[in-house]
Amino acid sequence: MSAVAGTAGLPLARGRHAERSARAVVFQAVLVACLLVGLVTLVTLLVDIFRDGIPRLSGEFVSSLDSRLASRAGIKPALVGTIWLMGLVALISFPVGIGAAVYLEEFAPRNRFTTFIEVNVANLAGVPSIVYGLLGLAVFVRFINLGRSVMAGALTLVLLILPVIIVSAREALRAVPDSIRQGSLAVGATKWQTVWGQTLPAAIPGIMTGMILGWSRAIGETAPLITLGALTYVNFVPTHPLDRFTAIPIQAFNWVSRPQAEFQQTAAAGMVLLLTVLLAMNAVAIYLRNRYERKW
């Protein structure tokens, strides 16, 4: 009797298995389609930008000041301003972000106050960038009286990317096995020595991934810098953190807004240069990440 029941239930089990397999195939096809849509869109944009921008790129374009004439317009002030911004952002965000993450993950007591801080740090990662621009305008430009300078822009971008850096650094620290901490404490190391000598170096690859994501967002931001009052037409090169400035995204936005077709090509060339700076910056960060991965 049981054998007959088992034989009768076999087609039903096969039917359910076939149904699950069909659903899995459909779901996988939907995922692949979503991936292809993103890739096709990205490739289309890159091809369009490179097609228009590569002919305009030259040594004169990189080393010249901006001009009202498209044939003479250069990107040197915006390029130097972007390098200033990213250098200051890296110098400030790296120690502050890692320090906050290490404190919250390794030293902070587990109470309502730290839970409140953790929830707000996670929520700040989704705040629109224009809000950070208004905050930077109120605090750094007017209250601290830094003016519409490179330092004010860099501090605003630091606030923009700090939540991403802190969250990713905490996840990297959390991924370090507890056996590393316990082994270090077992041989007599203090809590600080364990974090500095064992936990933090092992988490550096994950932390660098968060830094790459943060810097990639900061280098392309326009809204916070426009809110701060960054210049759109600059005929000087910033040489000091308190100098007025512009950046490549703002300069490209200014060129795109002009009706002449030549300025559209100039803006595309600026975007190609921005992508080059971004890839170079990320390449350094990836090299450091891979170096620590091989070491640990």
Protein backbone atom coordinates (compact mmCIF):
# COMPACT_ATOMS: atom_id res chain seq x y z
CA MET A 1 0.00 0.00 0.00
CA SER A 2 2.79 2.38 0.94
CA ALA A 3 4.72 1.48 -2.20
CA VAL A 4 1.68 2.35 -4.32
CA ALA A 5 1.29 5.70 -2.51
CA GLY A 6 4.99 6.46 -3.01
CA THR A 7 4.74 5.66 -6.68
CA ALA A 8 1.68 7.86 -7.05
CA GLY A 9 3.40 10.80 -5.35
CA LEU A 10 6.45 10.59 -7.60
CA PRO A 11 4.90 12.47 -10.58
CA LEU A 12 3.72 15.20 -8.18
CA ALA A 13 7.24 15.66 -6.79
CA ARG A 14 8.66 15.77 -10.29
CA GLY A 15 6.09 18.36 -11.28
CA ARG A 16 6.99 20.56 -8.34
CA HIS A 17 10.70 20.21 -9.11
CA ALA A 18 10.10 21.17 -12.73
CA GLU A 19 8.06 24.18 -11.61
CA ARG A 20 10.84 25.34 -9.28
CA SER A 21 13.41 24.88 -12.04
CA ALA A 22 11.30 26.93 -14.44
CA ARG A 23 10.94 29.73 -11.88
CA ALA A 24 14.68 29.68 -11.25
CA VAL A 25 15.38 29.97 -14.97
CA VAL A 26 12.94 32.89 -15.32
CA PHE A 27 14.42 34.65 -12.29
CA GLN A 28 17.94 34.21 -13.63
CA ALA A 29 16.86 35.54 -17.02
CA VAL A 30 15.37 38.64 -15.35
CA LEU A 31 18.63 39.25 -13.45
CA VAL A 32 20.68 38.90 -16.63
CA ALA A 33 18.33 41.30 -18.43
CA CYS A 34 18.73 43.88 -15.66
CA LEU A 35 22.51 43.50 -15.86
CA LEU A 36 22.47 43.93 -19.63
CA VAL A 37 20.33 47.07 -19.38
CA GLY A 38 22.85 48.65 -17.01
CA LEU A 39 25.85 47.58 -19.07
CA VAL A 40 24.36 48.72 -22.37
CA THR A 41 23.46 52.11 -20.89
CA LEU A 42 26.93 52.55 -19.42
CA VAL A 43 28.70 51.50 -22.62
CA THR A 44 26.49 53.81 -24.68
CA LEU A 45 27.30 56.78 -22.46
CA LEU A 46 31.02 56.03 -22.46
CA VAL A 47 31.15 55.58 -26.24
CA ASP A 48 29.31 58.87 -26.75
CA ILE A 49 31.58 60.76 -24.33
CA PHE A 50 34.81 59.31 -25.70
CA ARG A 51 33.73 59.84 -29.31
CA ASP A 52 33.13 63.54 -28.69
CA GLY A 53 35.86 64.17 -26.14
CA ILE A 54 38.96 62.36 -27.41
CA PRO A 55 39.48 64.66 -30.46
CA ARG A 56 39.36 67.68 -28.13
CA LEU A 57 41.92 66.34 -25.65
CA SER A 58 45.41 67.77 -26.00
CA GLY A 59 48.24 69.14 -23.94
CA GLU A 60 47.01 72.65 -24.64
CA PHE A 61 43.54 71.78 -23.36
CA VAL A 62 44.96 70.43 -20.08
CA SER A 63 47.38 73.33 -19.54
CA SER A 64 45.19 76.27 -20.62
CA LEU A 65 42.85 78.49 -18.65
CA ASP A 66 39.16 78.76 -19.39
CA SER A 67 37.95 81.03 -22.17
CA ARG A 68 34.73 82.38 -23.63
CA LEU A 69 35.80 80.82 -26.93
CA ALA A 70 35.39 77.06 -27.16
CA SER A 71 38.53 76.63 -29.25
CA ARG A 72 40.65 78.25 -26.51
CA ALA A 73 38.90 76.91 -23.42
CA GLY A 74 41.13 74.87 -21.14
CA ILE A 75 40.56 72.85 -18.02
CA LYS A 76 43.67 73.55 -15.95
CA PRO A 77 41.92 75.54 -13.14
CA ALA A 78 39.22 72.88 -12.79
CA LEU A 79 41.75 70.03 -12.89
CA VAL A 80 43.94 71.61 -10.21
CA GLY A 81 40.84 72.40 -8.14
CA THR A 82 39.68 68.78 -8.35
CA ILE A 83 43.13 67.52 -7.30
CA TRP A 84 43.12 69.94 -4.36
CA LEU A 85 39.64 68.78 -3.34
CA MET A 86 40.38 65.06 -3.58
CA GLY A 87 43.70 65.41 -1.76
CA LEU A 88 42.12 67.23 1.16
CA VAL A 89 39.13 64.87 1.21
CA ALA A 90 41.47 61.86 1.38
CA LEU A 91 43.64 63.39 4.13
CA ILE A 92 40.62 64.26 6.30
CA SER A 93 38.15 61.45 5.63
CA PHE A 94 40.56 58.52 6.02
CA PRO A 95 41.63 59.07 9.66
CA VAL A 96 38.27 60.49 10.78
CA GLY A 97 36.22 57.74 9.15
CA ILE A 98 38.43 54.90 10.37
CA GLY A 99 38.70 56.40 13.85
CA ALA A 100 34.93 56.69 14.18
CA ALA A 101 34.44 53.14 12.90
CA VAL A 102 37.05 51.68 15.26
CA TYR A 103 35.54 53.45 18.26
CA LEU A 104 31.97 52.42 17.46
CA GLU A 105 32.89 48.81 16.70
CA GLU A 106 35.65 48.07 19.21
CA PHE A 107 35.45 50.48 22.15
CA ALA A 108 32.00 52.11 22.38
CA PRO A 109 29.71 50.76 25.13
CA ARG A 110 26.52 49.10 23.94
CA ASN A 111 23.81 51.47 25.14
CA ARG A 112 21.00 53.60 23.75
CA PHE A 113 23.30 56.50 22.94
CA THR A 114 25.65 54.49 20.73
CA THR A 115 22.65 52.78 19.12
CA PHE A 116 21.24 56.22 18.34
CA ILE A 117 24.56 57.26 16.76
CA GLU A 118 24.79 54.07 14.69
CA VAL A 119 21.24 54.45 13.34
CA ASN A 120 21.84 58.09 12.39
CA VAL A 121 25.17 57.33 10.71
CA ALA A 122 23.45 54.69 8.58
CA ASN A 123 20.59 57.09 7.73
CA LEU A 124 22.97 59.90 6.78
CA ALA A 125 24.33 57.77 3.94
CA GLY A 126 21.02 58.29 2.12
CA VAL A 127 20.68 62.05 2.61
CA PRO A 128 20.64 64.01 -0.72
CA SER A 129 23.90 65.75 -1.50
CA ILE A 130 22.25 69.16 -1.79
CA VAL A 131 21.50 69.00 1.95
CA TYR A 132 25.22 68.65 2.67
CA GLY A 133 25.83 71.63 0.41
CA LEU A 134 23.44 73.75 2.49
CA LEU A 135 25.10 72.49 5.68
CA GLY A 136 28.54 73.36 4.33
CA LEU A 137 27.34 76.81 3.31
CA ALA A 138 25.96 77.50 6.79
CA VAL A 139 28.80 76.00 8.84
CA PHE A 140 32.04 76.19 6.88
CA VAL A 141 31.45 79.21 4.64
CA ARG A 142 29.56 81.51 7.01
CA PHE A 143 29.97 80.31 10.62
CA ILE A 144 33.64 79.23 10.54
CA ASN A 145 34.25 81.91 7.90
CA LEU A 146 36.31 79.80 5.51
CA GLY A 147 34.66 81.57 2.60
CA ARG A 148 33.92 79.87 -0.70
CA SER A 149 37.30 78.17 -0.63
CA VAL A 150 38.80 74.80 -1.49
CA MET A 151 38.85 73.88 2.22
CA ALA A 152 35.15 74.60 2.62
CA GLY A 153 34.37 72.45 -0.40
CA ALA A 154 36.60 69.61 0.82
CA LEU A 155 35.05 69.61 4.31
CA THR A 156 31.57 69.51 2.77
CA LEU A 157 32.51 66.52 0.62
CA VAL A 158 34.03 64.84 3.68
CA LEU A 159 30.68 65.12 5.46
CA LEU A 160 29.02 63.69 2.36
CA ILE A 161 31.11 60.51 2.21
CA LEU A 162 31.86 59.92 5.91
CA PRO A 163 28.70 57.83 6.52
CA VAL A 164 29.64 55.48 3.68
CA ILE A 165 33.21 55.16 4.95
CA ILE A 166 32.15 54.57 8.56
CA VAL A 167 29.56 51.93 7.68
CA SER A 168 31.90 50.04 5.32
CA ALA A 169 34.80 50.24 7.81
CA ARG A 170 32.62 48.85 10.58
CA GLU A 171 31.53 45.97 8.36
CA ALA A 172 35.19 45.26 7.54
CA LEU A 173 36.11 45.25 11.24
CA ARG A 174 33.14 43.03 12.02
CA ALA A 175 34.29 40.53 9.39
CA VAL A 176 37.63 39.97 11.15
CA PRO A 177 37.43 36.61 13.00
CA ASP A 178 37.13 36.88 16.78
CA SER A 179 39.89 34.28 17.08
CA ILE A 180 42.40 36.95 16.02
CA ARG A 181 41.28 39.25 18.83
CA GLN A 182 41.14 36.45 21.39
CA GLY A 183 44.57 35.16 20.43
CA SER A 184 46.11 38.60 20.77
CA LEU A 185 44.47 39.21 24.14
CA ALA A 186 45.50 35.73 25.31
CA VAL A 187 49.21 36.49 24.89
CA GLY A 188 48.92 39.65 26.99
CA ALA A 189 48.20 42.40 24.46
CA THR A 190 45.95 45.27 25.52
CA LYS A 191 42.72 46.10 23.74
CA TRP A 192 44.37 48.99 21.91
CA GLN A 193 47.38 46.88 20.88
CA THR A 194 45.03 44.20 19.56
CA VAL A 195 43.09 46.67 17.48
CA TRP A 196 46.16 48.50 16.16
CA GLY A 197 48.35 45.47 15.50
CA GLN A 198 45.85 42.77 14.51
CA THR A 199 42.24 43.80 13.86
CA LEU A 200 42.79 47.00 11.90
CA PRO A 201 45.45 45.65 9.48
CA ALA A 202 43.26 42.63 8.74
CA ALA A 203 40.31 44.93 7.96
CA ILE A 204 42.24 47.33 5.71
CA PRO A 205 41.14 45.67 2.40
CA GLY A 206 37.46 46.10 3.26
CA ILE A 207 38.06 49.63 4.54
CA MET A 208 39.82 50.56 1.28
CA THR A 209 36.80 49.30 -0.67
CA GLY A 210 34.61 51.75 1.26
CA MET A 211 37.12 54.53 0.66
CA ILE A 212 37.04 53.85 -3.07
CA LEU A 213 33.25 54.08 -3.10
CA GLY A 214 33.32 57.31 -1.09
CA TRP A 215 35.98 59.01 -3.22
CA SER A 216 34.22 57.93 -6.42
CA ARG A 217 31.07 59.66 -5.22
CA ALA A 218 32.85 62.78 -4.04
CA ILE A 219 34.81 63.41 -7.23
CA GLY A 220 31.66 63.60 -9.34
CA GLU A 221 29.49 65.71 -7.03
CA THR A 222 28.29 69.04 -8.35
CA ALA A 223 25.27 70.10 -6.28
CA PRO A 224 27.11 70.66 -2.94
CA LEU A 225 29.87 72.69 -4.60
CA ILE A 226 27.41 74.86 -6.53
CA THR A 227 25.51 75.48 -3.29
CA LEU A 228 28.75 76.56 -1.64
CA GLY A 229 29.30 79.04 -4.43
CA ALA A 230 32.13 77.39 -6.35
CA LEU A 231 32.94 79.37 -9.46
CA THR A 232 31.85 78.29 -12.93
CA TYR A 233 34.25 80.57 -14.82
CA VAL A 234 37.80 80.62 -13.43
CA ASN A 235 40.87 82.14 -15.01
CA PHE A 236 43.29 81.40 -12.18
CA VAL A 237 44.76 78.27 -10.63
CA PRO A 238 44.18 77.70 -6.89
CA THR A 239 47.45 77.48 -4.97
CA HIS A 240 46.17 77.50 -1.38
CA PRO A 241 43.38 75.72 0.53
CA LEU A 242 41.67 79.06 1.15
CA ASP A 243 41.62 80.10 -2.53
CA ARG A 244 38.44 80.25 -4.59
CA PHE A 245 38.11 77.28 -6.91
CA THR A 246 36.17 75.29 -9.44
CA ALA A 247 36.10 71.56 -10.20
CA ILE A 248 35.80 69.47 -13.35
CA PRO A 249 32.09 68.56 -12.85
CA ILE A 250 31.17 72.23 -12.38
CA GLN A 251 33.27 73.30 -15.36
CA ALA A 252 31.69 70.61 -17.55
CA PHE A 253 28.22 71.67 -16.37
CA ASN A 254 29.04 75.24 -17.37
CA TRP A 255 30.19 74.16 -20.84
CA VAL A 256 27.20 71.89 -21.43
CA SER A 257 24.80 74.73 -20.61
CA ARG A 258 26.16 76.79 -23.51
CA PRO A 259 24.45 76.50 -26.89
CA GLN A 260 27.56 76.17 -29.09
CA ALA A 261 28.32 72.65 -30.31
CA GLU A 262 32.04 73.19 -29.70
CA PHE A 263 31.41 73.56 -25.98
CA GLN A 264 29.61 70.19 -25.95
CA GLN A 265 32.80 68.58 -27.25
CA THR A 266 34.85 70.51 -24.68
CA ALA A 267 32.56 69.25 -21.90
CA ALA A 268 32.97 65.68 -23.17
CA ALA A 269 36.75 66.11 -23.05
CA GLY A 270 36.43 67.31 -19.47
CA MET A 271 34.43 64.19 -18.61
CA VAL A 272 37.10 61.98 -20.17
CA LEU A 273 39.72 63.73 -18.03
CA LEU A 274 37.54 63.33 -14.94
CA LEU A 275 37.22 59.60 -15.60
CA THR A 276 41.00 59.40 -16.00
CA VAL A 277 41.59 61.11 -12.65
CA LEU A 278 38.98 58.85 -11.02
CA LEU A 279 40.52 55.67 -12.42
CA ALA A 280 44.02 56.76 -11.40
CA MET A 281 42.87 57.52 -7.86
CA ASN A 282 41.00 54.23 -7.59
CA ALA A 283 43.97 52.33 -9.03
CA VAL A 284 46.17 53.56 -6.17
CA ALA A 285 43.53 52.58 -3.61
CA ILE A 286 43.05 49.14 -5.21
CA TYR A 287 46.81 48.57 -5.22
CA LEU A 288 47.00 49.32 -1.50
CA ARG A 289 43.99 47.08 -0.83
CA ASN A 290 45.46 44.16 -2.76
CA ARG A 291 48.81 44.62 -1.04
CA TYR A 292 47.20 44.27 2.38
CA GLU A 293 45.15 41.29 1.17
CA ARG A 294 48.32 39.46 0.15
CA LYS A 295 49.98 40.34 3.45
CA TRP A 296 47.13 39.25 5.69
